Amino acid sequence: MLKKNPCPRTPDSIARWASSLWILSFLLLCTGCVDRFLVIRTEPVGAKVFIDGVDVGTSPVTIPFDFYGNRDLLVRMEEDEKRGERSLAPQRRIVKLTPPWYQRFPLDFVSEILWPGTLEVIHEEVFVLEPQDLDALSERFRSSARGFGVASPLDDPPEDP
């Protein structure tokens, strides 16, 4: 004896099922994406850039990142003998990368998963490097060493009586 099917397959039910499957497939294929970038620019260009102690290249540099939070940025440019320029003072900065409003819980679900396009989040940091006075810096080191009782090899030796 044949059992009666409780859900008969009518053309309307098949059409509803197919359209539901098509909409679900479309939503899965059009999932969102968020690209996050940290852009570091310096004046003058060509300075070495370190993020959390890791050399990431010379400025201007664009670094993709996944997680927000604090980053330790160090930018330095050494003396360029070809141009005859003095060293520029290095700069260190703690940068807090904060998420925009649409990247905060629970809205991040919409921007990461349901939004049908790509969102870009760009954090930009600009460093202006200034020349450092190397003579004053070396004098500070010498006076600090004298404070600890260390004699500079460049000083005159004490005379023996």
C-alpha atoms as a PDB file:
ATOM      1  CA  MET A   1       0.000   0.000   0.000  1.00  0.00           C
ATOM      2  CA  LEU A   2       1.355   3.383  -0.976  1.00  0.00           C
ATOM      3  CA  LYS A   3       1.623   6.150   1.565  1.00  0.00           C
ATOM      4  CA  LYS A   4       0.222   9.482   0.668  1.00  0.00           C
ATOM      5  CA  ASN A   5       2.875  12.198   0.405  1.00  0.00           C
ATOM      6  CA  PRO A   6       2.113  14.903   3.038  1.00  0.00           C
ATOM      7  CA  CYS A   7       3.802  17.597   0.896  1.00  0.00           C
ATOM      8  CA  PRO A   8       2.704  17.151  -2.661  1.00  0.00           C
ATOM      9  CA  ARG A   9       5.049  18.681  -5.198  1.00  0.00           C
ATOM     10  CA  THR A  10       3.018  21.118  -7.129  1.00  0.00           C
ATOM     11  CA  PRO A  11       4.468  23.501  -9.679  1.00  0.00           C
ATOM     12  CA  ASP A  12       3.898  26.377  -7.228  1.00  0.00           C
ATOM     13  CA  SER A  13       5.844  24.692  -4.408  1.00  0.00           C
ATOM     14  CA  ILE A  14       8.691  23.802  -6.762  1.00  0.00           C
ATOM     15  CA  ALA A  15       8.819  27.400  -8.020  1.00  0.00           C
ATOM     16  CA  ARG A  16       8.915  28.731  -4.452  1.00  0.00           C
ATOM     17  CA  TRP A  17      11.636  26.274  -3.519  1.00  0.00           C
ATOM     18  CA  ALA A  18      13.687  27.161  -6.615  1.00  0.00           C
ATOM     19  CA  SER A  19      13.336  30.903  -6.062  1.00  0.00           C
ATOM     20  CA  SER A  20      14.321  30.517  -2.394  1.00  0.00           C
ATOM     21  CA  LEU A  21      17.368  28.505  -3.420  1.00  0.00           C
ATOM     22  CA  TRP A  22      18.268  31.110  -6.065  1.00  0.00           C
ATOM     23  CA  ILE A  23      17.997  33.989  -3.545  1.00  0.00           C
ATOM     24  CA  LEU A  24      20.077  32.104  -0.969  1.00  0.00           C
ATOM     25  CA  SER A  25      22.743  31.325  -3.583  1.00  0.00           C
ATOM     26  CA  PHE A  26      22.792  34.956  -4.686  1.00  0.00           C
ATOM     27  CA  LEU A  27      23.263  36.153  -1.091  1.00  0.00           C
ATOM     28  CA  LEU A  28      26.079  33.681  -0.500  1.00  0.00           C
ATOM     29  CA  LEU A  29      27.867  34.700  -3.691  1.00  0.00           C
ATOM     30  CA  CYS A  30      27.514  38.411  -2.961  1.00  0.00           C
ATOM     31  CA  THR A  31      28.959  38.379   0.530  1.00  0.00           C
ATOM     32  CA  GLY A  32      30.674  41.514   1.683  1.00  0.00           C
ATOM     33  CA  CYS A  33      34.304  42.274   2.187  1.00  0.00           C
ATOM     34  CA  VAL A  34      36.184  44.933   4.127  1.00  0.00           C
ATOM     35  CA  ASP A  35      39.697  45.934   3.073  1.00  0.00           C
ATOM     36  CA  ARG A  36      41.680  47.727   5.791  1.00  0.00           C
ATOM     37  CA  PHE A  37      44.835  49.712   5.012  1.00  0.00           C
ATOM     38  CA  LEU A  38      47.346  51.710   7.029  1.00  0.00           C
ATOM     39  CA  VAL A  39      48.984  54.360   4.818  1.00  0.00           C
ATOM     40  CA  ILE A  40      52.204  55.955   6.080  1.00  0.00           C
ATOM     41  CA  ARG A  41      53.600  59.029   4.340  1.00  0.00           C
ATOM     42  CA  THR A  42      56.698  61.021   5.239  1.00  0.00           C
ATOM     43  CA  GLU A  43      58.141  64.357   4.257  1.00  0.00           C
ATOM     44  CA  PRO A  44      60.690  63.837   2.733  1.00  0.00           C
ATOM     45  CA  VAL A  45      59.789  60.531   1.102  1.00  0.00           C
ATOM     46  CA  GLY A  46      62.073  57.507   1.303  1.00  0.00           C
ATOM     47  CA  ALA A  47      62.229  57.012   5.071  1.00  0.00           C
ATOM     48  CA  LYS A  48      62.352  53.487   6.488  1.00  0.00           C
ATOM     49  CA  VAL A  49      59.109  52.506   8.213  1.00  0.00           C
ATOM     50  CA  PHE A  50      58.846  50.000  11.064  1.00  0.00           C
ATOM     51  CA  ILE A  51      55.537  48.733  12.463  1.00  0.00           C
ATOM     52  CA  ASP A  52      55.785  46.941  15.809  1.00  0.00           C
ATOM     53  CA  GLY A  53      59.531  46.558  15.222  1.00  0.00           C
ATOM     54  CA  VAL A  54      59.179  44.983  11.763  1.00  0.00           C
ATOM     55  CA  ASP A  55      60.623  46.727   8.697  1.00  0.00           C
ATOM     56  CA  VAL A  56      57.723  47.193   6.256  1.00  0.00           C
ATOM     57  CA  GLY A  57      59.494  49.247   3.590  1.00  0.00           C
ATOM     58  CA  THR A  58      60.185  52.820   2.622  1.00  0.00           C
ATOM     59  CA  SER A  59      57.655  55.613   2.582  1.00  0.00           C
ATOM     60  CA  PRO A  60      55.126  56.108   1.194  1.00  0.00           C
ATOM     61  CA  VAL A  61      53.923  52.644   2.161  1.00  0.00           C
ATOM     62  CA  THR A  62      50.473  51.037   2.296  1.00  0.00           C
ATOM     63  CA  ILE A  63      50.043  48.095   4.665  1.00  0.00           C
ATOM     64  CA  PRO A  64      46.917  45.907   4.775  1.00  0.00           C
ATOM     65  CA  PHE A  65      45.801  44.873   8.258  1.00  0.00           C
ATOM     66  CA  ASP A  66      43.121  42.640   9.755  1.00  0.00           C
ATOM     67  CA  PHE A  67      42.832  43.741  13.369  1.00  0.00           C
ATOM     68  CA  TYR A  68      42.300  47.111  14.991  1.00  0.00           C
ATOM     69  CA  GLY A  69      44.278  48.228  18.036  1.00  0.00           C
ATOM     70  CA  ASN A  70      47.513  50.010  18.922  1.00  0.00           C
ATOM     71  CA  ARG A  71      50.525  49.929  16.603  1.00  0.00           C
ATOM     72  CA  ASP A  72      54.041  51.172  17.340  1.00  0.00           C
ATOM     73  CA  LEU A  73      55.280  53.157  14.328  1.00  0.00           C
ATOM     74  CA  LEU A  74      58.921  54.157  13.909  1.00  0.00           C
ATOM     75  CA  VAL A  75      60.086  56.237  10.957  1.00  0.00           C
ATOM     76  CA  ARG A  76      63.736  57.072  10.345  1.00  0.00           C
ATOM     77  CA  MET A  77      65.920  58.341   7.545  1.00  0.00           C
ATOM     78  CA  GLU A  78      69.682  57.997   7.625  1.00  0.00           C
ATOM     79  CA  GLU A  79      72.242  60.435   6.288  1.00  0.00           C
ATOM     80  CA  ASP A  80      72.361  60.566   2.521  1.00  0.00           C
ATOM     81  CA  GLU A  81      75.983  61.031   1.493  1.00  0.00           C
ATOM     82  CA  LYS A  82      75.071  61.431  -2.167  1.00  0.00           C
ATOM     83  CA  ARG A  83      72.995  64.531  -1.496  1.00  0.00           C
ATOM     84  CA  GLY A  84      75.186  65.762   1.360  1.00  0.00           C
ATOM     85  CA  GLU A  85      72.259  65.945   3.795  1.00  0.00           C
ATOM     86  CA  ARG A  86      72.461  65.410   7.533  1.00  0.00           C
ATOM     87  CA  SER A  87      70.506  62.748   9.359  1.00  0.00           C
ATOM     88  CA  LEU A  88      66.884  63.433  10.124  1.00  0.00           C
ATOM     89  CA  ALA A  89      65.534  62.885  13.625  1.00  0.00           C
ATOM     90  CA  PRO A  90      63.657  59.571  13.881  1.00  0.00           C
ATOM     91  CA  GLN A  91      60.056  59.694  15.049  1.00  0.00           C
ATOM     92  CA  ARG A  92      58.171  57.090  17.042  1.00  0.00           C
ATOM     93  CA  ARG A  93      54.429  57.204  17.516  1.00  0.00           C
ATOM     94  CA  ILE A  94      51.872  54.874  19.079  1.00  0.00           C
ATOM     95  CA  VAL A  95      48.901  54.869  16.709  1.00  0.00           C
ATOM     96  CA  LYS A  96      45.472  53.653  17.770  1.00  0.00           C
ATOM     97  CA  LEU A  97      43.609  52.112  14.848  1.00  0.00           C
ATOM     98  CA  THR A  98      39.940  52.474  15.729  1.00  0.00           C
ATOM     99  CA  PRO A  99      37.173  50.831  13.746  1.00  0.00           C
ATOM    100  CA  PRO A 100      34.536  52.970  12.032  1.00  0.00           C
ATOM    101  CA  TRP A 101      30.943  52.726  13.250  1.00  0.00           C
ATOM    102  CA  TYR A 102      29.994  50.042  10.710  1.00  0.00           C
ATOM    103  CA  GLN A 103      32.850  47.809  11.921  1.00  0.00           C
ATOM    104  CA  ARG A 104      31.622  47.639  15.516  1.00  0.00           C
ATOM    105  CA  PHE A 105      29.615  44.741  16.915  1.00  0.00           C
ATOM    106  CA  PRO A 106      26.841  43.880  15.888  1.00  0.00           C
ATOM    107  CA  LEU A 107      26.889  46.059  12.746  1.00  0.00           C
ATOM    108  CA  ASP A 108      30.117  44.416  11.592  1.00  0.00           C
ATOM    109  CA  PHE A 109      28.094  41.339  10.624  1.00  0.00           C
ATOM    110  CA  VAL A 110      26.260  43.405   8.019  1.00  0.00           C
ATOM    111  CA  SER A 111      29.401  45.050   6.611  1.00  0.00           C
ATOM    112  CA  GLU A 112      31.462  41.838   6.627  1.00  0.00           C
ATOM    113  CA  ILE A 113      28.879  39.293   5.480  1.00  0.00           C
ATOM    114  CA  LEU A 114      25.698  40.798   4.085  1.00  0.00           C
ATOM    115  CA  TRP A 115      26.888  43.961   2.341  1.00  0.00           C
ATOM    116  CA  PRO A 116      27.105  43.100  -1.372  1.00  0.00           C
ATOM    117  CA  GLY A 117      30.230  45.131  -2.122  1.00  0.00           C
ATOM    118  CA  THR A 118      33.699  45.882  -0.840  1.00  0.00           C
ATOM    119  CA  LEU A 119      34.231  48.531   1.829  1.00  0.00           C
ATOM    120  CA  GLU A 120      37.621  50.206   2.261  1.00  0.00           C
ATOM    121  CA  VAL A 121      38.888  51.480   5.593  1.00  0.00           C
ATOM    122  CA  ILE A 122      41.995  53.666   5.268  1.00  0.00           C
ATOM    123  CA  HIS A 123      43.986  55.003   8.231  1.00  0.00           C
ATOM    124  CA  GLU A 124      46.622  57.538   7.210  1.00  0.00           C
ATOM    125  CA  GLU A 125      49.596  58.760   9.241  1.00  0.00           C
ATOM    126  CA  VAL A 126      51.893  61.569   8.095  1.00  0.00           C
ATOM    127  CA  PHE A 127      55.369  62.146   9.558  1.00  0.00           C
ATOM    128  CA  VAL A 128      57.393  65.308   8.934  1.00  0.00           C
ATOM    129  CA  LEU A 129      61.050  64.529   9.579  1.00  0.00           C
ATOM    130  CA  GLU A 130      63.274  67.380  10.685  1.00  0.00           C
ATOM    131  CA  PRO A 131      67.085  67.563  10.742  1.00  0.00           C
ATOM    132  CA  GLN A 132      68.671  66.592  14.008  1.00  0.00           C
ATOM    133  CA  ASP A 133      71.654  68.380  15.491  1.00  0.00           C
ATOM    134  CA  LEU A 134      74.199  65.571  15.740  1.00  0.00           C
ATOM    135  CA  ASP A 135      76.717  67.769  17.582  1.00  0.00           C
ATOM    136  CA  ALA A 136      74.205  68.496  20.360  1.00  0.00           C
ATOM    137  CA  LEU A 137      73.226  64.816  20.455  1.00  0.00           C
ATOM    138  CA  SER A 138      76.846  63.680  20.848  1.00  0.00           C
ATOM    139  CA  GLU A 139      77.421  66.289  23.563  1.00  0.00           C
ATOM    140  CA  ARG A 140      74.382  64.967  25.464  1.00  0.00           C
ATOM    141  CA  PHE A 141      75.809  61.433  25.237  1.00  0.00           C
ATOM    142  CA  ARG A 142      79.223  62.600  26.485  1.00  0.00           C
ATOM    143  CA  SER A 143      77.762  64.528  29.425  1.00  0.00           C
ATOM    144  CA  SER A 144      75.593  61.553  30.334  1.00  0.00           C
ATOM    145  CA  ALA A 145      78.651  59.284  30.224  1.00  0.00           C
ATOM    146  CA  ARG A 146      80.609  61.721  32.410  1.00  0.00           C
ATOM    147  CA  GLY A 147      77.731  61.616  34.902  1.00  0.00           C
ATOM    148  CA  PHE A 148      78.307  57.868  35.222  1.00  0.00           C
ATOM    149  CA  GLY A 149      82.078  58.312  35.527  1.00  0.00           C
ATOM    150  CA  VAL A 150      82.959  57.127  32.036  1.00  0.00           C
ATOM    151  CA  ALA A 151      85.751  59.092  30.401  1.00  0.00           C
ATOM    152  CA  SER A 152      85.429  59.909  26.748  1.00  0.00           C
ATOM    153  CA  PRO A 153      88.248  58.582  24.565  1.00  0.00           C
ATOM    154  CA  LEU A 154      88.269  61.964  22.841  1.00  0.00           C
ATOM    155  CA  ASP A 155      89.040  63.885  26.046  1.00  0.00           C
ATOM    156  CA  ASP A 156      92.630  64.705  26.993  1.00  0.00           C
ATOM    157  CA  PRO A 157      94.128  62.031  29.243  1.00  0.00           C
ATOM    158  CA  PRO A 158      94.920  63.087  32.812  1.00  0.00           C
ATOM    159  CA  GLU A 159      98.517  64.175  33.308  1.00  0.00           C
ATOM    160  CA  ASP A 160     100.780  62.106  35.548  1.00  0.00           C
ATOM    161  CA  PRO A 161     102.705  64.187  38.143  1.00  0.00           C
END
